Every structure is written in structure tokens, then in C-alpha cells.
């Protein structure tokens, strides 16, 4: 009886190895990085045009990459839970800096001027 209970416990522990199942339409990491970069740039437009509905920009970015919103959300959740999002975001940041090399200098200048920035934001 004890061996049977130990066997069931082992099966339960092994079957719960992953927190989330891999989505059937998982977006690959490079495409996800490109999407995050473009959505970040699109998000900055919101600050320029306050009070405007800029949801169409988000739809355009997803449509340009032929990605459904549901697939993006499911892939985003998967990458966050599996702790792969940090690498994707780092790649997205590199994409943004390639598109606008002046941004790198701007960020570095701001970091030098303001030394009170928390470690996680540096």
C-alpha cells in the first residue's frame, strides 16, 4: 500500500512539471521580440497624443506580422511563465536601438544624470 501511494505521489509530481501547456500557435522568440519592440514604440505614441484611441496601431502591428491577438496573448503568457520573456525583451531592446541609435545615447545620458534610479531600472 505504501509503495502504491509513493507511486501515485511520484506520478502526480512528474505530471505537474510544467505550469502551462505550450500554445498550439506559439509565436517564435524572434517574432515575439519584433512584436514587443514595435508595440513599445507604438506605446510611446500614446504619450504624444494623450486622450486619443490608438488601439488601431496595436492592431496594425499584429496584422503586419500576421499574428492573431489571441495567439500573442497566449504566447506572452507562455514565455512569462517559462521565464523566457527576459531574453525576448532584451532582444526587443536591441531591435529598438538598431532602429534609433540616438536612443542608446539618450538612455545612457539620462542614467548618468539621475543616479537615484533603482537597480532594476538600470
Protein backbone atom coordinates (compact mmCIF):
# COMPACT_ATOMS: atom_id res chain seq x y z
CA UNK A 1 0.00 0.00 0.00
CA UNK A 2 2.84 2.40 0.87
CA UNK A 3 4.58 1.63 -2.41
CA UNK A 4 1.37 2.32 -4.30
CA UNK A 5 0.92 5.69 -2.53
CA UNK A 6 4.54 6.61 -3.25
CA UNK A 7 3.98 5.67 -6.90
CA UNK A 8 0.89 7.88 -7.16
CA UNK A 9 2.73 10.74 -5.49
CA UNK A 10 5.62 10.37 -7.93
CA UNK A 11 3.24 10.36 -10.91
CA UNK A 12 1.49 13.49 -9.65
CA UNK A 13 4.78 15.34 -9.15
CA UNK A 14 6.10 14.39 -12.59
CA UNK A 15 2.86 15.27 -14.36
CA UNK A 16 2.86 18.77 -12.83
CA UNK A 17 6.34 19.62 -14.14
CA UNK A 18 5.06 22.44 -16.35
CA UNK A 19 2.76 25.19 -15.14
CA UNK A 20 1.35 25.95 -18.57
CA UNK A 21 0.95 23.96 -21.75
CA UNK A 22 2.68 25.13 -24.90
CA UNK A 23 0.16 27.03 -27.05
CA UNK A 24 -0.63 25.37 -30.36
CA UNK A 25 0.08 28.64 -32.24
CA UNK A 26 3.17 29.67 -30.27
CA UNK A 27 4.92 32.69 -31.75
CA UNK A 28 8.65 32.10 -32.14
CA UNK A 29 11.05 34.14 -30.00
CA UNK A 30 12.42 36.35 -32.79
CA UNK A 31 8.94 37.34 -33.98
CA UNK A 32 7.89 37.95 -30.38
CA UNK A 33 10.93 40.24 -29.93
CA UNK A 34 9.98 42.19 -33.05
CA UNK A 35 6.39 42.49 -31.84
CA UNK A 36 7.45 43.69 -28.38
CA UNK A 37 9.79 46.27 -29.96
CA UNK A 38 7.14 47.63 -32.31
CA UNK A 39 4.46 47.63 -29.63
CA UNK A 40 6.83 49.55 -27.33
CA UNK A 41 7.38 52.17 -30.00
CA UNK A 42 3.64 52.31 -30.61
CA UNK A 43 3.09 52.74 -26.88
CA UNK A 44 5.25 55.88 -26.91
CA UNK A 45 2.83 57.49 -29.35
CA UNK A 46 0.22 57.41 -26.58
CA UNK A 47 2.29 59.94 -24.64
CA UNK A 48 2.40 62.27 -27.63
CA UNK A 49 -1.33 62.08 -28.38
CA UNK A 50 -3.00 61.92 -24.98
CA UNK A 51 -6.69 61.16 -24.93
CA UNK A 52 -6.67 59.54 -28.37
CA UNK A 53 -7.65 55.96 -29.06
CA UNK A 54 -4.55 54.41 -30.58
CA UNK A 55 -5.71 50.81 -30.45
CA UNK A 56 -5.55 50.67 -34.24
CA UNK A 57 -1.74 50.95 -34.01
CA UNK A 58 -1.62 47.79 -31.94
CA UNK A 59 -3.89 46.01 -34.40
CA UNK A 60 -1.69 47.18 -37.29
CA UNK A 61 1.48 45.81 -35.67
CA UNK A 62 -0.12 42.42 -35.08
CA UNK A 63 -1.63 42.33 -38.58
CA UNK A 64 1.70 43.29 -40.17
CA UNK A 65 3.27 40.21 -38.58
CA UNK A 66 0.19 38.09 -39.36
CA UNK A 67 -0.39 37.33 -35.68
CA UNK A 68 -3.81 36.98 -34.08
CA UNK A 69 -4.30 38.84 -30.78
CA UNK A 70 -5.23 35.59 -29.03
CA UNK A 71 -2.01 33.93 -30.22
CA UNK A 72 0.02 36.90 -28.97
CA UNK A 73 -1.61 36.79 -25.53
CA UNK A 74 -1.18 33.02 -25.19
CA UNK A 75 2.44 33.18 -26.35
CA UNK A 76 3.13 36.08 -23.99
CA UNK A 77 1.71 34.12 -21.04
CA UNK A 78 3.74 31.05 -22.01
CA UNK A 79 7.02 32.96 -22.27
CA UNK A 80 6.42 34.74 -18.95
CA UNK A 81 5.60 31.54 -17.08
CA UNK A 82 8.54 29.65 -18.61
CA UNK A 83 10.85 32.57 -17.73
CA UNK A 84 11.94 33.20 -21.31
CA UNK A 85 10.50 36.70 -21.55
CA UNK A 86 13.65 38.44 -20.25
CA UNK A 87 15.64 37.23 -23.25
CA UNK A 88 12.87 38.27 -25.61
CA UNK A 89 12.68 41.74 -24.07
CA UNK A 90 16.48 42.11 -24.27
CA UNK A 91 16.32 41.26 -27.98
CA UNK A 92 13.47 43.75 -28.41
CA UNK A 93 15.59 46.44 -26.79
CA UNK A 94 18.42 45.68 -29.24
CA UNK A 95 15.94 45.98 -32.13
CA UNK A 96 14.81 49.40 -30.88
CA UNK A 97 18.40 50.60 -30.53
CA UNK A 98 19.18 49.40 -34.07
CA UNK A 99 16.22 51.39 -35.38
CA UNK A 100 17.24 54.52 -33.47
CA UNK A 101 20.93 54.65 -32.44
CA UNK A 102 20.36 58.03 -30.78
CA UNK A 103 18.13 56.33 -28.23
CA UNK A 104 21.12 54.48 -26.74
CA UNK A 105 22.98 57.73 -26.12
CA UNK A 106 19.85 59.34 -24.70
CA UNK A 107 19.27 56.49 -22.24
CA UNK A 108 22.90 56.48 -21.12
CA UNK A 109 22.85 60.27 -20.61
CA UNK A 110 19.69 60.03 -18.51
CA UNK A 111 21.21 57.26 -16.39
CA UNK A 112 24.33 59.32 -15.75
CA UNK A 113 22.35 62.42 -14.78
CA UNK A 114 19.95 60.64 -12.46
CA UNK A 115 21.84 58.36 -10.07
CA UNK A 116 18.75 57.67 -7.93
CA UNK A 117 17.36 55.11 -10.36
CA UNK A 118 16.60 51.72 -8.76
CA UNK A 119 18.87 48.83 -9.76
CA UNK A 120 16.12 47.01 -11.67
CA UNK A 121 15.64 50.01 -13.99
CA UNK A 122 19.30 50.44 -14.93
